[in-house]
Amino acid sequence: SKDSVADEVLTEWKPKLLGLLQEEKIYEDPELTLTQVAKQLQSNPSFISMVVNRGFGLNFNDFINQFRIEAVKEMLKKGEHKKQTLLGIAYECGFNSKATFNRAFKKVTGLTPKEWVQQNG
């Protein structure tokens, strides 16, 4: 069936995609595009988009922002916000605007960055 083909494809491609993001940390590039990710994986944007949508249940931007948020949380856990601003940390992890960072953080964690720091500090 069509779906079992998709499952096999996802089983092969999800780890490739995760590996690229976790090991190369390409999410740190605020200008990162679907096309760039596809190129790095020697594939095409519509295919990678399908892998993200079906494999992770997210659109590309939300998928990439999840990695950025995880990176931000790691830095916060290390107390990095005592040395620099939350926005500075966000920029370092690949966000390019305060609004996008705040919106993505709330979407992923259910908390604002400040609330998260208060609860996890």
PDB file of N, CA and C in Angstrom:
ATOM      1  N   SER A   1       0.839  -1.201   0.000  1.00  0.00           N
ATOM      2  CA  SER A   1       0.000   0.000   0.000  1.00  0.00           C
ATOM      3  C   SER A   1       0.876   1.253   0.000  1.00  0.00           C
ATOM      4  N   LYS A   2       0.266   2.342  -0.348  1.00  0.00           N
ATOM      5  CA  LYS A   2       0.965   3.622  -0.423  1.00  0.00           C
ATOM      6  C   LYS A   2       1.546   4.026   0.941  1.00  0.00           C
ATOM      7  N   ASP A   3       0.791   3.745   1.997  1.00  0.00           N
ATOM      8  CA  ASP A   3       1.237   4.162   3.316  1.00  0.00           C
ATOM      9  C   ASP A   3       2.454   3.391   3.823  1.00  0.00           C
ATOM     10  N   SER A   4       2.546   2.107   3.481  1.00  0.00           N
ATOM     11  CA  SER A   4       3.700   1.344   3.953  1.00  0.00           C
ATOM     12  C   SER A   4       4.973   1.813   3.248  1.00  0.00           C
ATOM     13  N   VAL A   5       4.832   2.255   2.014  1.00  0.00           N
ATOM     14  CA  VAL A   5       5.973   2.858   1.318  1.00  0.00           C
ATOM     15  C   VAL A   5       6.404   4.119   2.054  1.00  0.00           C
ATOM     16  N   ALA A   6       5.425   4.948   2.385  1.00  0.00           N
ATOM     17  CA  ALA A   6       5.715   6.182   3.124  1.00  0.00           C
ATOM     18  C   ALA A   6       6.382   5.854   4.463  1.00  0.00           C
ATOM     19  N   ASP A   7       5.906   4.837   5.155  1.00  0.00           N
ATOM     20  CA  ASP A   7       6.495   4.456   6.443  1.00  0.00           C
ATOM     21  C   ASP A   7       7.958   4.060   6.290  1.00  0.00           C
ATOM     22  N   GLU A   8       8.254   3.282   5.245  1.00  0.00           N
ATOM     23  CA  GLU A   8       9.643   2.875   5.016  1.00  0.00           C
ATOM     24  C   GLU A   8      10.522   4.084   4.730  1.00  0.00           C
ATOM     25  N   VAL A   9       9.995   4.984   3.915  1.00  0.00           N
ATOM     26  CA  VAL A   9      10.720   6.208   3.582  1.00  0.00           C
ATOM     27  C   VAL A   9      10.987   7.011   4.858  1.00  0.00           C
ATOM     28  N   LEU A  10       9.973   7.144   5.699  1.00  0.00           N
ATOM     29  CA  LEU A  10      10.119   7.912   6.932  1.00  0.00           C
ATOM     30  C   LEU A  10      11.111   7.254   7.883  1.00  0.00           C
ATOM     31  N   THR A  11      11.067   5.939   7.963  1.00  0.00           N
ATOM     32  CA  THR A  11      11.991   5.212   8.833  1.00  0.00           C
ATOM     33  C   THR A  11      13.440   5.465   8.422  1.00  0.00           C
ATOM     34  N   GLU A  12      13.649   5.610   7.128  1.00  0.00           N
ATOM     35  CA  GLU A  12      15.000   5.876   6.622  1.00  0.00           C
ATOM     36  C   GLU A  12      15.385   7.338   6.776  1.00  0.00           C
ATOM     37  N   TRP A  13      14.443   8.244   6.511  1.00  0.00           N
ATOM     38  CA  TRP A  13      14.780   9.662   6.405  1.00  0.00           C
ATOM     39  C   TRP A  13      14.692  10.451   7.705  1.00  0.00           C
ATOM     40  N   LYS A  14      13.842  10.029   8.637  1.00  0.00           N
ATOM     41  CA  LYS A  14      13.749  10.775   9.894  1.00  0.00           C
ATOM     42  C   LYS A  14      15.100  10.835  10.620  1.00  0.00           C
ATOM     43  N   PRO A  15      15.809   9.704  10.762  1.00  0.00           N
ATOM     44  CA  PRO A  15      17.117   9.765  11.430  1.00  0.00           C
ATOM     45  C   PRO A  15      18.133  10.633  10.684  1.00  0.00           C
ATOM     46  N   LYS A  16      18.082  10.627   9.348  1.00  0.00           N
ATOM     47  CA  LYS A  16      19.003  11.468   8.558  1.00  0.00           C
ATOM     48  C   LYS A  16      18.791  12.930   8.894  1.00  0.00           C
ATOM     49  N   LEU A  17      17.528  13.308   8.941  1.00  0.00           N
ATOM     50  CA  LEU A  17      17.161  14.687   9.217  1.00  0.00           C
ATOM     51  C   LEU A  17      17.539  15.075  10.645  1.00  0.00           C
ATOM     52  N   LEU A  18      17.215  14.209  11.588  1.00  0.00           N
ATOM     53  CA  LEU A  18      17.552  14.472  12.993  1.00  0.00           C
ATOM     54  C   LEU A  18      19.054  14.561  13.185  1.00  0.00           C
ATOM     55  N   GLY A  19      19.782  13.679  12.528  1.00  0.00           N
ATOM     56  CA  GLY A  19      21.238  13.676  12.636  1.00  0.00           C
ATOM     57  C   GLY A  19      21.833  14.990  12.171  1.00  0.00           C
ATOM     58  N   LEU A  20      21.342  15.459  11.030  1.00  0.00           N
ATOM     59  CA  LEU A  20      21.834  16.721  10.475  1.00  0.00           C
ATOM     60  C   LEU A  20      21.606  17.867  11.455  1.00  0.00           C
ATOM     61  N   LEU A  21      20.428  17.893  12.053  1.00  0.00           N
ATOM     62  CA  LEU A  21      20.099  18.986  12.964  1.00  0.00           C
ATOM     63  C   LEU A  21      20.839  18.871  14.293  1.00  0.00           C
ATOM     64  N   GLN A  22      20.909  17.654  14.830  1.00  0.00           N
ATOM     65  CA  GLN A  22      21.520  17.483  16.149  1.00  0.00           C
ATOM     66  C   GLN A  22      23.044  17.572  16.092  1.00  0.00           C
ATOM     67  N   GLU A  23      23.638  17.025  15.027  1.00  0.00           N
ATOM     68  CA  GLU A  23      25.099  16.983  14.960  1.00  0.00           C
ATOM     69  C   GLU A  23      25.690  18.244  14.331  1.00  0.00           C
ATOM     70  N   GLU A  24      25.077  18.712  13.252  1.00  0.00           N
ATOM     71  CA  GLU A  24      25.615  19.881  12.560  1.00  0.00           C
ATOM     72  C   GLU A  24      25.071  21.193  13.141  1.00  0.00           C
ATOM     73  N   LYS A  25      24.017  21.081  13.936  1.00  0.00           N
ATOM     74  CA  LYS A  25      23.386  22.262  14.532  1.00  0.00           C
ATOM     75  C   LYS A  25      23.053  23.343  13.495  1.00  0.00           C
ATOM     76  N   ILE A  26      22.553  22.916  12.351  1.00  0.00           N
ATOM     77  CA  ILE A  26      22.262  23.875  11.277  1.00  0.00           C
ATOM     78  C   ILE A  26      21.122  24.829  11.634  1.00  0.00           C
ATOM     79  N   TYR A  27      20.348  24.486  12.667  1.00  0.00           N
ATOM     80  CA  TYR A  27      19.270  25.374  13.116  1.00  0.00           C
ATOM     81  C   TYR A  27      19.814  26.688  13.678  1.00  0.00           C
ATOM     82  N   GLU A  28      21.110  26.737  13.991  1.00  0.00           N
ATOM     83  CA  GLU A  28      21.722  27.960  14.512  1.00  0.00           C
ATOM     84  C   GLU A  28      21.780  29.065  13.452  1.00  0.00           C
ATOM     85  N   ASP A  29      21.616  28.678  12.191  1.00  0.00           N
ATOM     86  CA  ASP A  29      21.569  29.651  11.107  1.00  0.00           C
ATOM     87  C   ASP A  29      20.165  30.242  11.017  1.00  0.00           C
ATOM     88  N   PRO A  30      20.000  31.545  11.318  1.00  0.00           N
ATOM     89  CA  PRO A  30      18.658  32.130  11.312  1.00  0.00           C
ATOM     90  C   PRO A  30      18.028  32.165   9.918  1.00  0.00           C
ATOM     91  N   GLU A  31      18.875  32.071   8.891  1.00  0.00           N
ATOM     92  CA  GLU A  31      18.382  32.132   7.512  1.00  0.00           C
ATOM     93  C   GLU A  31      18.112  30.743   6.928  1.00  0.00           C
ATOM     94  N   LEU A  32      18.194  29.716   7.777  1.00  0.00           N
ATOM     95  CA  LEU A  32      18.048  28.345   7.287  1.00  0.00           C
ATOM     96  C   LEU A  32      16.744  28.142   6.524  1.00  0.00           C
ATOM     97  N   THR A  33      16.845  27.540   5.344  1.00  0.00           N
ATOM     98  CA  THR A  33      15.652  27.275   4.539  1.00  0.00           C
ATOM     99  C   THR A  33      15.492  25.783   4.281  1.00  0.00           C
ATOM    100  N   LEU A  34      14.299  25.435   3.896  1.00  0.00           N
ATOM    101  CA  LEU A  34      13.985  24.066   3.496  1.00  0.00           C
ATOM    102  C   LEU A  34      14.899  23.624   2.349  1.00  0.00           C
ATOM    103  N   THR A  35      15.152  24.536   1.413  1.00  0.00           N
ATOM    104  CA  THR A  35      16.013  24.234   0.259  1.00  0.00           C
ATOM    105  C   THR A  35      17.427  23.864   0.709  1.00  0.00           C
ATOM    106  N   GLN A  36      17.957  24.610   1.678  1.00  0.00           N
ATOM    107  CA  GLN A  36      19.304  24.313   2.188  1.00  0.00           C
ATOM    108  C   GLN A  36      19.365  22.941   2.848  1.00  0.00           C
ATOM    109  N   VAL A  37      18.349  22.635   3.634  1.00  0.00           N
ATOM    110  CA  VAL A  37      18.298  21.338   4.314  1.00  0.00           C
ATOM    111  C   VAL A  37      18.235  20.219   3.270  1.00  0.00           C
ATOM    112  N   ALA A  38      17.401  20.403   2.269  1.00  0.00           N
ATOM    113  CA  ALA A  38      17.259  19.415   1.199  1.00  0.00           C
ATOM    114  C   ALA A  38      18.594  19.204   0.475  1.00  0.00           C
ATOM    115  N   LYS A  39      19.294  20.302   0.194  1.00  0.00           N
ATOM    116  CA  LYS A  39      20.605  20.224  -0.473  1.00  0.00           C
ATOM    117  C   LYS A  39      21.592  19.422   0.354  1.00  0.00           C
ATOM    118  N   GLN A  40      21.621  19.722   1.665  1.00  0.00           N
ATOM    119  CA  GLN A  40      22.556  19.029   2.557  1.00  0.00           C
ATOM    120  C   GLN A  40      22.281  17.530   2.580  1.00  0.00           C
ATOM    121  N   LEU A  41      21.030  17.164   2.401  1.00  0.00           N
ATOM    122  CA  LEU A  41      20.652  15.748   2.432  1.00  0.00           C
ATOM    123  C   LEU A  41      20.557  15.160   1.013  1.00  0.00           C
ATOM    124  N   GLN A  42      20.996  15.941   0.036  1.00  0.00           N
ATOM    125  CA  GLN A  42      20.957  15.537  -1.379  1.00  0.00           C
ATOM    126  C   GLN A  42      19.563  15.061  -1.787  1.00  0.00           C
ATOM    127  N   SER A  43      18.600  15.908  -1.455  1.00  0.00           N
ATOM    128  CA  SER A  43      17.222  15.608  -1.779  1.00  0.00           C
ATOM    129  C   SER A  43      16.575  16.874  -2.332  1.00  0.00           C
ATOM    130  N   ASN A  44      15.247  16.922  -2.356  1.00  0.00           N
ATOM    131  CA  ASN A  44      14.569  18.130  -2.826  1.00  0.00           C
ATOM    132  C   ASN A  44      13.607  18.651  -1.759  1.00  0.00           C
ATOM    133  N   PRO A  45      13.299  19.960  -1.829  1.00  0.00           N
ATOM    134  CA  PRO A  45      12.500  20.580  -0.764  1.00  0.00           C
ATOM    135  C   PRO A  45      11.133  19.939  -0.533  1.00  0.00           C
ATOM    136  N   SER A  46      10.432  19.567  -1.605  1.00  0.00           N
ATOM    137  CA  SER A  46       9.081  19.020  -1.383  1.00  0.00           C
ATOM    138  C   SER A  46       9.141  17.664  -0.682  1.00  0.00           C
ATOM    139  N   PHE A  47      10.177  16.888  -0.976  1.00  0.00           N
ATOM    140  CA  PHE A  47      10.342  15.597  -0.306  1.00  0.00           C
ATOM    141  C   PHE A  47      10.648  15.793   1.185  1.00  0.00           C
ATOM    142  N   ILE A  48      11.598  16.691   1.485  1.00  0.00           N
ATOM    143  CA  ILE A  48      11.970  16.942   2.883  1.00  0.00           C
ATOM    144  C   ILE A  48      10.776  17.515   3.648  1.00  0.00           C
ATOM    145  N   SER A  49      10.020  18.369   2.994  1.00  0.00           N
ATOM    146  CA  SER A  49       8.811  18.920   3.601  1.00  0.00           C
ATOM    147  C   SER A  49       7.841  17.803   3.976  1.00  0.00           C
ATOM    148  N   MET A  50       7.680  16.844   3.080  1.00  0.00           N
ATOM    149  CA  MET A  50       6.798  15.697   3.333  1.00  0.00           C
ATOM    150  C   MET A  50       7.309  14.876   4.533  1.00  0.00           C
ATOM    151  N   VAL A  51       8.616  14.663   4.593  1.00  0.00           N
ATOM    152  CA  VAL A  51       9.203  13.905   5.716  1.00  0.00           C
ATOM    153  C   VAL A  51       8.914  14.621   7.039  1.00  0.00           C
ATOM    154  N   VAL A  52       9.090  15.932   7.047  1.00  0.00           N
ATOM    155  CA  VAL A  52       8.834  16.716   8.266  1.00  0.00           C
ATOM    156  C   VAL A  52       7.355  16.660   8.639  1.00  0.00           C
ATOM    157  N   ASN A  53       6.491  16.903   7.652  1.00  0.00           N
ATOM    158  CA  ASN A  53       5.040  16.920   7.899  1.00  0.00           C
ATOM    159  C   ASN A  53       4.536  15.573   8.383  1.00  0.00           C
ATOM    160  N   ARG A  54       4.884  14.512   7.655  1.00  0.00           N
ATOM    161  CA  ARG A  54       4.351  13.185   7.987  1.00  0.00           C
ATOM    162  C   ARG A  54       5.131  12.505   9.088  1.00  0.00           C
ATOM    163  N   GLY A  55       6.414  12.766   9.136  1.00  0.00           N
ATOM    164  CA  GLY A  55       7.265  12.087  10.120  1.00  0.00           C
ATOM    165  C   GLY A  55       7.208  12.707  11.499  1.00  0.00           C
ATOM    166  N   PHE A  56       7.027  14.031  11.534  1.00  0.00           N
ATOM    167  CA  PHE A  56       7.074  14.724  12.821  1.00  0.00           C
ATOM    168  C   PHE A  56       5.787  15.484  13.134  1.00  0.00           C
ATOM    169  N   GLY A  57       4.857  15.534  12.169  1.00  0.00           N
ATOM    170  CA  GLY A  57       3.579  16.198  12.385  1.00  0.00           C
ATOM    171  C   GLY A  57       3.682  17.707  12.537  1.00  0.00           C
ATOM    172  N   LEU A  58       4.715  18.291  11.921  1.00  0.00           N
ATOM    173  CA  LEU A  58       4.947  19.732  12.037  1.00  0.00           C
ATOM    174  C   LEU A  58       5.253  20.319  10.671  1.00  0.00           C
ATOM    175  N   ASN A  59       5.077  21.638  10.535  1.00  0.00           N
ATOM    176  CA  ASN A  59       5.600  22.261   9.330  1.00  0.00           C
ATOM    177  C   ASN A  59       7.093  22.547   9.537  1.00  0.00           C
ATOM    178  N   PHE A  60       7.772  22.895   8.468  1.00  0.00           N
ATOM    179  CA  PHE A  60       9.226  23.056   8.529  1.00  0.00           C
ATOM    180  C   PHE A  60       9.658  24.076   9.588  1.00  0.00           C
ATOM    181  N   ASN A  61       9.015  25.246   9.587  1.00  0.00           N
ATOM    182  CA  ASN A  61       9.403  26.292  10.542  1.00  0.00           C
ATOM    183  C   ASN A  61       9.240  25.851  11.990  1.00  0.00           C
ATOM    184  N   ASP A  62       8.110  25.226  12.301  1.00  0.00           N
ATOM    185  CA  ASP A  62       7.876  24.761  13.675  1.00  0.00           C
ATOM    186  C   ASP A  62       8.883  23.678  14.054  1.00  0.00           C
ATOM    187  N   PHE A  63       9.204  22.823  13.080  1.00  0.00           N
ATOM    188  CA  PHE A  63      10.169  21.744  13.306  1.00  0.00           C
ATOM    189  C   PHE A  63      11.539  22.325  13.671  1.00  0.00           C
ATOM    190  N   ILE A  64      12.013  23.273  12.873  1.00  0.00           N
ATOM    191  CA  ILE A  64      13.317  23.891  13.122  1.00  0.00           C
ATOM    192  C   ILE A  64      13.296  24.665  14.439  1.00  0.00           C
ATOM    193  N   ASN A  65      12.202  25.369  14.688  1.00  0.00           N
ATOM    194  CA  ASN A  65      12.110  26.152  15.924  1.00  0.00           C
ATOM    195  C   ASN A  65      12.137  25.277  17.170  1.00  0.00           C
ATOM    196  N   GLN A  66      11.651  24.053  17.063  1.00  0.00           N
ATOM    197  CA  GLN A  66      11.726  23.143  18.217  1.00  0.00           C
ATOM    198  C   GLN A  66      13.182  22.884  18.622  1.00  0.00           C
ATOM    199  N   PHE A  67      14.050  22.725  17.618  1.00  0.00           N
ATOM    200  CA  PHE A  67      15.473  22.517  17.915  1.00  0.00           C
ATOM    201  C   PHE A  67      16.080  23.764  18.534  1.00  0.00           C
ATOM    202  N   ARG A  68      15.668  24.916  18.022  1.00  0.00           N
ATOM    203  CA  ARG A  68      16.167  26.181  18.570  1.00  0.00           C
ATOM    204  C   ARG A  68      15.731  26.341  20.017  1.00  0.00           C
ATOM    205  N   ILE A  69      14.476  26.012  20.311  1.00  0.00           N
ATOM    206  CA  ILE A  69      13.962  26.118  21.678  1.00  0.00           C
ATOM    207  C   ILE A  69      14.700  25.160  22.611  1.00  0.00           C
ATOM    208  N   GLU A  70      14.940  23.943  22.142  1.00  0.00           N
ATOM    209  CA  GLU A  70      15.692  22.985  22.968  1.00  0.00           C
ATOM    210  C   GLU A  70      17.077  23.532  23.285  1.00  0.00           C
ATOM    211  N   ALA A  71      17.706  24.144  22.295  1.00  0.00           N
ATOM    212  CA  ALA A  71      19.038  24.729  22.484  1.00  0.00           C
ATOM    213  C   ALA A  71      18.983  25.879  23.491  1.00  0.00           C
ATOM    214  N   VAL A  72      17.944  26.698  23.383  1.00  0.00           N
ATOM    215  CA  VAL A  72      17.753  27.796  24.338  1.00  0.00           C
ATOM    216  C   VAL A  72      17.597  27.234  25.750  1.00  0.00           C
ATOM    217  N   LYS A  73      16.754  26.205  25.882  1.00  0.00           N
ATOM    218  CA  LYS A  73      16.523  25.608  27.203  1.00  0.00           C
ATOM    219  C   LYS A  73      17.811  25.037  27.793  1.00  0.00           C
ATOM    220  N   GLU A  74      18.639  24.422  26.948  1.00  0.00           N
ATOM    221  CA  GLU A  74      19.931  23.897  27.424  1.00  0.00           C
ATOM    222  C   GLU A  74      20.789  25.024  27.991  1.00  0.00           C
ATOM    223  N   MET A  75      20.818  26.150  27.271  1.00  0.00           N
ATOM    224  CA  MET A  75      21.614  27.289  27.732  1.00  0.00           C
ATOM    225  C   MET A  75      21.056  27.874  29.027  1.00  0.00           C
ATOM    226  N   LEU A  76      19.728  27.904  29.126  1.00  0.00           N
ATOM    227  CA  LEU A  76      19.102  28.414  30.351  1.00  0.00           C
ATOM    228  C   LEU A  76      19.413  27.502  31.540  1.00  0.00           C
ATOM    229  N   LYS A  77      19.399  26.197  31.275  1.00  0.00           N
ATOM    230  CA  LYS A  77      19.714  25.243  32.346  1.00  0.00           C
ATOM    231  C   LYS A  77      21.139  25.437  32.860  1.00  0.00           C
ATOM    232  N   LYS A  78      22.024  25.905  31.984  1.00  0.00           N
ATOM    233  CA  LYS A  78      23.414  26.153  32.380  1.00  0.00           C
ATOM    234  C   LYS A  78      23.577  27.530  33.020  1.00  0.00           C
ATOM    235  N   GLY A  79      22.471  28.269  33.145  1.00  0.00           N
ATOM    236  CA  GLY A  79      22.537  29.576  33.797  1.00  0.00           C
ATOM    237  C   GLY A  79      23.046  30.689  32.902  1.00  0.00           C
ATOM    238  N   GLU A  80      23.003  30.451  31.602  1.00  0.00           N
ATOM    239  CA  GLU A  80      23.528  31.405  30.631  1.00  0.00           C
ATOM    240  C   GLU A  80      22.812  32.771  30.708  1.00  0.00           C
ATOM    241  N   HIS A  81      21.531  32.768  31.128  1.00  0.00           N
ATOM    242  CA  HIS A  81      20.763  34.018  31.218  1.00  0.00           C
ATOM    243  C   HIS A  81      21.239  34.933  32.341  1.00  0.00           C
ATOM    244  N   LYS A  82      22.134  34.417  33.189  1.00  0.00           N
ATOM    245  CA  LYS A  82      22.722  35.279  34.209  1.00  0.00           C
ATOM    246  C   LYS A  82      23.871  36.092  33.610  1.00  0.00           C
ATOM    247  N   LYS A  83      24.359  35.636  32.448  1.00  0.00           N
ATOM    248  CA  LYS A  83      25.477  36.329  31.793  1.00  0.00           C
ATOM    249  C   LYS A  83      25.029  37.184  30.619  1.00  0.00           C
ATOM    250  N   GLN A  84      23.926  36.828  30.005  1.00  0.00           N
ATOM    251  CA  GLN A  84      23.443  37.600  28.849  1.00  0.00           C
ATOM    252  C   GLN A  84      21.915  37.593  28.808  1.00  0.00           C
ATOM    253  N   THR A  85      21.351  38.411  27.933  1.00  0.00           N
ATOM    254  CA  THR A  85      19.895  38.528  27.852  1.00  0.00           C
ATOM    255  C   THR A  85      19.277  37.280  27.224  1.00  0.00           C
ATOM    256  N   LEU A  86      18.007  37.087  27.506  1.00  0.00           N
ATOM    257  CA  LEU A  86      17.253  36.000  26.872  1.00  0.00           C
ATOM    258  C   LEU A  86      17.280  36.143  25.358  1.00  0.00           C
ATOM    259  N   LEU A  87      17.170  37.383  24.898  1.00  0.00           N
ATOM    260  CA  LEU A  87      17.176  37.618  23.460  1.00  0.00           C
ATOM    261  C   LEU A  87      18.531  37.273  22.851  1.00  0.00           C
ATOM    262  N   GLY A  88      19.593  37.592  23.573  1.00  0.00           N
ATOM    263  CA  GLY A  88      20.943  37.223  23.119  1.00  0.00           C
ATOM    264  C   GLY A  88      21.072  35.716  22.955  1.00  0.00           C
ATOM    265  N   ILE A  89      20.537  34.979  23.914  1.00  0.00           N
ATOM    266  CA  ILE A  89      20.543  33.514  23.857  1.00  0.00           C
ATOM    267  C   ILE A  89      19.720  33.032  22.666  1.00  0.00           C
ATOM    268  N   ALA A  90      18.553  33.643  22.482  1.00  0.00           N
ATOM    269  CA  ALA A  90      17.671  33.268  21.367  1.00  0.00           C
ATOM    270  C   ALA A  90      18.372  33.451  20.026  1.00  0.00           C
ATOM    271  N   TYR A  91      19.060  34.599  19.870  1.00  0.00           N
ATOM    272  CA  TYR A  91      19.781  34.869  18.619  1.00  0.00           C
ATOM    273  C   TYR A  91      20.882  33.836  18.402  1.00  0.00           C
ATOM    274  N   GLU A  92      21.572  33.480  19.478  1.00  0.00           N
ATOM    275  CA  GLU A  92      22.660  32.503  19.382  1.00  0.00           C
ATOM    276  C   GLU A  92      22.145  31.135  18.915  1.00  0.00           C
ATOM    277  N   CYS A  93      20.906  30.842  19.268  1.00  0.00           N
ATOM    278  CA  CYS A  93      20.321  29.541  18.925  1.00  0.00           C
ATOM    279  C   CYS A  93      19.570  29.551  17.586  1.00  0.00           C
ATOM    280  N   GLY A  94      19.632  30.675  16.873  1.00  0.00           N
ATOM    281  CA  GLY A  94      19.090  30.702  15.518  1.00  0.00           C
ATOM    282  C   GLY A  94      17.829  31.508  15.296  1.00  0.00           C
ATOM    283  N   PHE A  95      17.296  32.116  16.362  1.00  0.00           N
ATOM    284  CA  PHE A  95      16.133  32.982  16.156  1.00  0.00           C
ATOM    285  C   PHE A  95      16.606  34.326  15.615  1.00  0.00           C
ATOM    286  N   ASN A  96      15.759  34.980  14.820  1.00  0.00           N
ATOM    287  CA  ASN A  96      16.178  36.279  14.305  1.00  0.00           C
ATOM    288  C   ASN A  96      15.232  37.410  14.687  1.00  0.00           C
ATOM    289  N   SER A  97      14.259  37.117  15.543  1.00  0.00           N
ATOM    290  CA  SER A  97      13.425  38.200  16.070  1.00  0.00           C
ATOM    291  C   SER A  97      12.848  37.816  17.421  1.00  0.00           C
ATOM    292  N   LYS A  98      12.638  38.832  18.226  1.00  0.00           N
ATOM    293  CA  LYS A  98      12.100  38.637  19.575  1.00  0.00           C
ATOM    294  C   LYS A  98      10.697  38.035  19.506  1.00  0.00           C
ATOM    295  N   ALA A  99       9.881  38.557  18.571  1.00  0.00           N
ATOM    296  CA  ALA A  99       8.494  38.092  18.444  1.00  0.00           C
ATOM    297  C   ALA A  99       8.436  36.606  18.090  1.00  0.00           C
ATOM    298  N   THR A 100       9.240  36.215  17.116  1.00  0.00           N
ATOM    299  CA  THR A 100       9.268  34.806  16.686  1.00  0.00           C
ATOM    300  C   THR A 100       9.737  33.907  17.823  1.00  0.00           C
ATOM    301  N   PHE A 101      10.768  34.357  18.527  1.00  0.00           N
ATOM    302  CA  PHE A 101      11.294  33.588  19.658  1.00  0.00           C
ATOM    303  C   PHE A 101      10.222  33.399  20.733  1.00  0.00           C
ATOM    304  N   ASN A 102       9.588  34.497  21.143  1.00  0.00           N
ATOM    305  CA  ASN A 102       8.578  34.417  22.205  1.00  0.00           C
ATOM    306  C   ASN A 102       7.406  33.523  21.806  1.00  0.00           C
ATOM    307  N   ARG A 103       6.961  33.678  20.553  1.00  0.00           N
ATOM    308  CA  ARG A 103       5.835  32.890  20.058  1.00  0.00           C
ATOM    309  C   ARG A 103       6.195  31.403  20.008  1.00  0.00           C
ATOM    310  N   ALA A 104       7.368  31.102  19.469  1.00  0.00           N
ATOM    311  CA  ALA A 104       7.798  29.706  19.344  1.00  0.00           C
ATOM    312  C   ALA A 104       8.015  29.073  20.716  1.00  0.00           C
ATOM    313  N   PHE A 105       8.603  29.837  21.632  1.00  0.00           N
ATOM    314  CA  PHE A 105       8.884  29.310  22.966  1.00  0.00           C
ATOM    315  C   PHE A 105       7.591  28.927  23.664  1.00  0.00           C
ATOM    316  N   LYS A 106       6.604  29.825  23.578  1.00  0.00           N
ATOM    317  CA  LYS A 106       5.313  29.589  24.220  1.00  0.00           C
ATOM    318  C   LYS A 106       4.602  28.378  23.585  1.00  0.00           C
ATOM    319  N   LYS A 107       4.720  28.278  22.251  1.00  0.00           N
ATOM    320  CA  LYS A 107       4.068  27.187  21.524  1.00  0.00           C
ATOM    321  C   LYS A 107       4.642  25.829  21.946  1.00  0.00           C
ATOM    322  N   VAL A 108       5.961  25.782  22.117  1.00  0.00           N
ATOM    323  CA  VAL A 108       6.633  24.520  22.441  1.00  0.00           C
ATOM    324  C   VAL A 108       6.525  24.173  23.928  1.00  0.00           C
ATOM    325  N   THR A 109       6.694  25.169  24.802  1.00  0.00           N
ATOM    326  CA  THR A 109       6.764  24.878  26.245  1.00  0.00           C
ATOM    327  C   THR A 109       5.486  25.198  27.001  1.00  0.00           C
ATOM    328  N   GLY A 110       4.602  26.020  26.399  1.00  0.00           N
ATOM    329  CA  GLY A 110       3.406  26.463  27.096  1.00  0.00           C
ATOM    330  C   GLY A 110       3.662  27.624  28.047  1.00  0.00           C
ATOM    331  N   LEU A 111       4.911  28.065  28.100  1.00  0.00           N
ATOM    332  CA  LEU A 111       5.300  29.160  28.997  1.00  0.00           C
ATOM    333  C   LEU A 111       6.037  30.242  28.211  1.00  0.00           C
ATOM    334  N   THR A 112       6.044  31.452  28.742  1.00  0.00           N
ATOM    335  CA  THR A 112       6.921  32.469  28.169  1.00  0.00           C
ATOM    336  C   THR A 112       8.344  32.144  28.646  1.00  0.00           C
ATOM    337  N   PRO A 113       9.363  32.681  27.959  1.00  0.00           N
ATOM    338  CA  PRO A 113      10.741  32.418  28.412  1.00  0.00           C
ATOM    339  C   PRO A 113      10.969  32.820  29.874  1.00  0.00           C
ATOM    340  N   LYS A 114      10.408  33.978  30.260  1.00  0.00           N
ATOM    341  CA  LYS A 114      10.589  34.432  31.662  1.00  0.00           C
ATOM    342  C   LYS A 114       9.946  33.471  32.658  1.00  0.00           C
ATOM    343  N   GLU A 115       8.721  33.019  32.326  1.00  0.00           N
ATOM    344  CA  GLU A 115       8.036  32.061  33.207  1.00  0.00           C
ATOM    345  C   GLU A 115       8.833  30.759  33.305  1.00  0.00           C
ATOM    346  N   TRP A 116       9.388  30.338  32.191  1.00  0.00           N
ATOM    347  CA  TRP A 116      10.160  29.093  32.170  1.00  0.00           C
ATOM    348  C   TRP A 116      11.376  29.210  33.079  1.00  0.00           C
ATOM    349  N   VAL A 117      12.052  30.342  32.989  1.00  0.00           N
ATOM    350  CA  VAL A 117      13.233  30.591  33.834  1.00  0.00           C
ATOM    351  C   VAL A 117      12.831  30.573  35.308  1.00  0.00           C
ATOM    352  N   GLN A 118      11.712  31.214  35.630  1.00  0.00           N
ATOM    353  CA  GLN A 118      11.239  31.257  37.020  1.00  0.00           C
ATOM    354  C   GLN A 118      10.935  29.852  37.543  1.00  0.00           C
ATOM    355  N   GLN A 119      10.328  29.017  36.694  1.00  0.00           N
ATOM    356  CA  GLN A 119       9.945  27.670  37.131  1.00  0.00           C
ATOM    357  C   GLN A 119      11.110  26.699  37.133  1.00  0.00           C
ATOM    358  N   ASN A 120      12.108  26.978  36.314  1.00  0.00           N
ATOM    359  CA  ASN A 120      13.216  26.028  36.189  1.00  0.00           C
ATOM    360  C   ASN A 120      14.541  26.563  36.721  1.00  0.00           C
ATOM    361  N   GLY A 121      14.493  27.758  37.291  1.00  0.00           N
ATOM    362  CA  GLY A 121      15.711  28.364  37.805  1.00  0.00           C
ATOM    363  C   GLY A 121      15.998  27.831  39.201  1.00  0.00           C
TER     364      GLY A 121
END
